[in-house]
Amino acid sequence: MNSTAFNALLDSFRQAANQPGLASQSLPTGRTSFCLTIQDVDVQVSHAGDAFAYVFIDTDLGAHDPYDSTLAAELAEANAWLLTHEHGAVICKRPVTRDYVIRTTLALDHAASGAALLRRLQSQADAVASIRRHLAAAPAPEIPRPMRADFA
């Protein structure tokens, strides 16, 4: 049932986005997804098989360094900002690819139209572009230099 609903949503989305050739990929794990680029932001929409009634929308933030504490603080601040909005998006780091994405979970029952999904994707891509601009404008962290003792 849920796979049928996801396929219907994908067909509706193809029409709304005017991308009749947009292909989806099915993995042996049961996850089906399609990827596209909106405003230079990579977006993946996926559905995790018959057992789940949700669609996951992941938009790439382009932040790949998990060890940058300044970046982590900036993303935490952006996360707090996102949580004040209705769309319920959250920034997370994917364990396999180790990249940062904004993830939205959307109930399939409420995602009946491709036009509504397209609006959601465009809104999320706008948020990613805004966060990217903020991160690019932030000053680089100052790297402390080791102290050296002068021996006379």
Protein backbone atom coordinates (compact mmCIF):
# COMPACT_ATOMS: atom_id res chain seq x y z
CA MET A 1 0.00 0.00 0.00
CA ASN A 2 2.66 2.54 0.99
CA SER A 3 4.87 1.75 -1.99
CA THR A 4 1.85 2.32 -4.20
CA ALA A 5 1.24 5.69 -2.51
CA PHE A 6 4.91 6.66 -2.97
CA ASN A 7 4.82 5.73 -6.66
CA ALA A 8 1.63 7.77 -7.12
CA LEU A 9 3.31 10.72 -5.37
CA LEU A 10 6.36 10.35 -7.62
CA ASP A 11 4.17 10.35 -10.75
CA SER A 12 2.34 13.44 -9.51
CA PHE A 13 5.66 15.11 -8.69
CA ARG A 14 7.01 14.39 -12.20
CA GLN A 15 4.05 16.25 -13.66
CA ALA A 16 4.24 19.17 -11.21
CA ALA A 17 8.01 19.58 -11.73
CA ASN A 18 7.69 19.05 -15.50
CA GLN A 19 10.26 16.25 -15.34
CA PRO A 20 8.59 13.25 -16.96
CA GLY A 21 11.93 11.40 -17.21
CA LEU A 22 12.81 11.69 -13.52
CA ALA A 23 13.94 8.20 -12.53
CA SER A 24 13.71 6.51 -9.17
CA GLN A 25 16.10 3.90 -7.83
CA SER A 26 15.12 0.89 -5.76
CA LEU A 27 17.65 -0.76 -3.46
CA PRO A 28 17.58 -4.38 -2.25
CA THR A 29 16.85 -3.02 1.26
CA GLY A 30 13.44 -1.86 0.04
CA ARG A 31 14.30 1.85 -0.05
CA THR A 32 13.17 3.70 -3.17
CA SER A 33 14.44 7.19 -3.88
CA PHE A 34 14.88 9.86 -6.49
CA CYS A 35 17.37 12.70 -6.59
CA LEU A 36 17.28 16.11 -8.17
CA THR A 37 18.99 19.48 -7.91
CA ILE A 38 17.06 22.61 -6.95
CA GLN A 39 18.93 25.93 -6.86
CA ASP A 40 22.33 24.14 -6.72
CA VAL A 41 21.10 22.07 -3.75
CA ASP A 42 21.09 18.28 -4.04
CA VAL A 43 17.82 16.81 -2.82
CA GLN A 44 17.01 13.16 -2.22
CA VAL A 45 13.45 12.01 -1.63
CA SER A 46 13.18 8.46 -0.34
CA HIS A 47 10.68 5.96 0.96
CA ALA A 48 11.66 2.97 3.08
CA GLY A 49 9.47 0.19 1.74
CA ASP A 50 6.02 -1.14 2.54
CA ALA A 51 6.37 -0.94 6.30
CA PHE A 52 6.78 2.85 6.50
CA ALA A 53 4.20 5.51 5.73
CA TYR A 54 6.78 8.30 5.51
CA VAL A 55 8.79 10.08 2.87
CA PHE A 56 12.21 11.40 3.86
CA ILE A 57 13.55 14.55 2.21
CA ASP A 58 17.29 15.12 2.59
CA THR A 59 18.90 18.31 1.28
CA ASP A 60 22.68 18.50 1.24
CA LEU A 61 24.20 21.35 3.24
CA GLY A 62 27.60 20.88 1.62
CA ALA A 63 29.34 20.66 5.02
CA HIS A 64 31.51 17.55 5.06
CA ASP A 65 34.03 18.11 7.87
CA PRO A 66 32.76 16.39 11.03
CA TYR A 67 35.69 17.69 13.08
CA ASP A 68 35.12 21.43 12.65
CA SER A 69 33.73 22.54 16.03
CA THR A 70 32.90 26.01 14.68
CA LEU A 71 30.84 24.45 11.91
CA ALA A 72 29.08 22.20 14.41
CA ALA A 73 28.14 25.23 16.51
CA GLU A 74 26.88 27.11 13.44
CA LEU A 75 24.77 24.12 12.38
CA ALA A 76 23.37 23.74 15.91
CA GLU A 77 22.32 27.38 15.77
CA ALA A 78 20.72 26.81 12.36
CA ASN A 79 18.99 23.73 13.76
CA ALA A 80 17.46 25.79 16.56
CA TRP A 81 16.22 28.26 13.94
CA LEU A 82 14.69 25.47 11.84
CA LEU A 83 12.86 23.99 14.81
CA THR A 84 10.94 27.24 15.28
CA HIS A 85 9.33 26.84 11.86
CA GLU A 86 6.31 24.72 10.97
CA HIS A 87 8.01 22.43 8.48
CA GLY A 88 9.73 20.37 11.19
CA ALA A 89 13.05 20.03 9.38
CA VAL A 90 16.14 19.10 11.32
CA ILE A 91 19.86 19.10 10.50
CA CYS A 92 21.51 15.73 10.90
CA LYS A 93 24.68 13.94 9.87
CA ARG A 94 24.12 10.80 7.84
CA PRO A 95 26.17 7.91 9.28
CA VAL A 96 27.25 6.32 6.00
CA THR A 97 28.12 9.35 3.89
CA ARG A 98 29.04 11.50 6.94
CA ASP A 99 27.60 14.59 5.27
CA TYR A 100 25.21 17.09 6.81
CA VAL A 101 21.66 17.33 5.49
CA ILE A 102 18.42 19.00 6.39
CA ARG A 103 15.94 16.15 6.83
CA THR A 104 12.19 16.44 6.72
CA THR A 105 9.92 13.50 7.40
CA LEU A 106 6.62 13.76 5.57
CA ALA A 107 3.66 11.45 6.15
CA LEU A 108 2.60 9.81 2.89
CA ASP A 109 -1.07 10.31 3.79
CA HIS A 110 -0.58 14.07 3.80
CA ALA A 111 1.66 14.24 0.74
CA ALA A 112 -1.05 13.54 -1.79
CA SER A 113 0.07 15.98 -4.46
CA GLY A 114 3.31 16.40 -6.33
CA ALA A 115 2.75 20.17 -6.37
CA ALA A 116 2.76 20.25 -2.55
CA LEU A 117 5.95 18.15 -2.49
CA LEU A 118 7.56 20.48 -5.03
CA ARG A 119 6.74 23.50 -2.85
CA ARG A 120 8.21 21.70 0.18
CA LEU A 121 11.41 20.88 -1.73
CA GLN A 122 11.78 24.46 -2.97
CA SER A 123 11.27 25.82 0.55
CA GLN A 124 13.85 23.42 1.95
CA ALA A 125 16.33 24.28 -0.83
CA ASP A 126 15.86 27.97 0.04
CA ALA A 127 16.67 27.20 3.69
CA VAL A 128 19.80 25.28 2.66
CA ALA A 129 20.94 28.14 0.41
CA SER A 130 20.43 30.58 3.29
CA ILE A 131 22.43 28.40 5.71
CA ARG A 132 25.21 27.96 3.12
CA ARG A 133 25.45 31.74 2.68
CA HIS A 134 25.62 32.17 6.46
CA LEU A 135 28.37 29.54 6.79
CA ALA A 136 30.35 31.06 3.92
CA ALA A 137 30.14 34.54 5.47
CA ALA A 138 31.26 33.38 8.92
CA PRO A 139 34.87 34.25 9.70
CA ALA A 140 37.32 31.38 9.71
CA PRO A 141 38.13 30.14 13.19
CA GLU A 142 41.38 31.40 14.63
CA ILE A 143 43.87 28.58 15.03
CA PRO A 144 45.86 28.93 18.25
CA ARG A 145 49.60 28.87 17.76
CA PRO A 146 51.73 26.86 20.15
CA MET A 147 53.58 28.95 22.68
CA ARG A 148 57.31 28.87 22.51
CA ALA A 149 59.67 29.59 25.29
CA ASP A 150 62.59 31.88 24.66
CA PHE A 151 65.76 30.46 26.10
CA ALA A 152 68.47 33.00 26.74
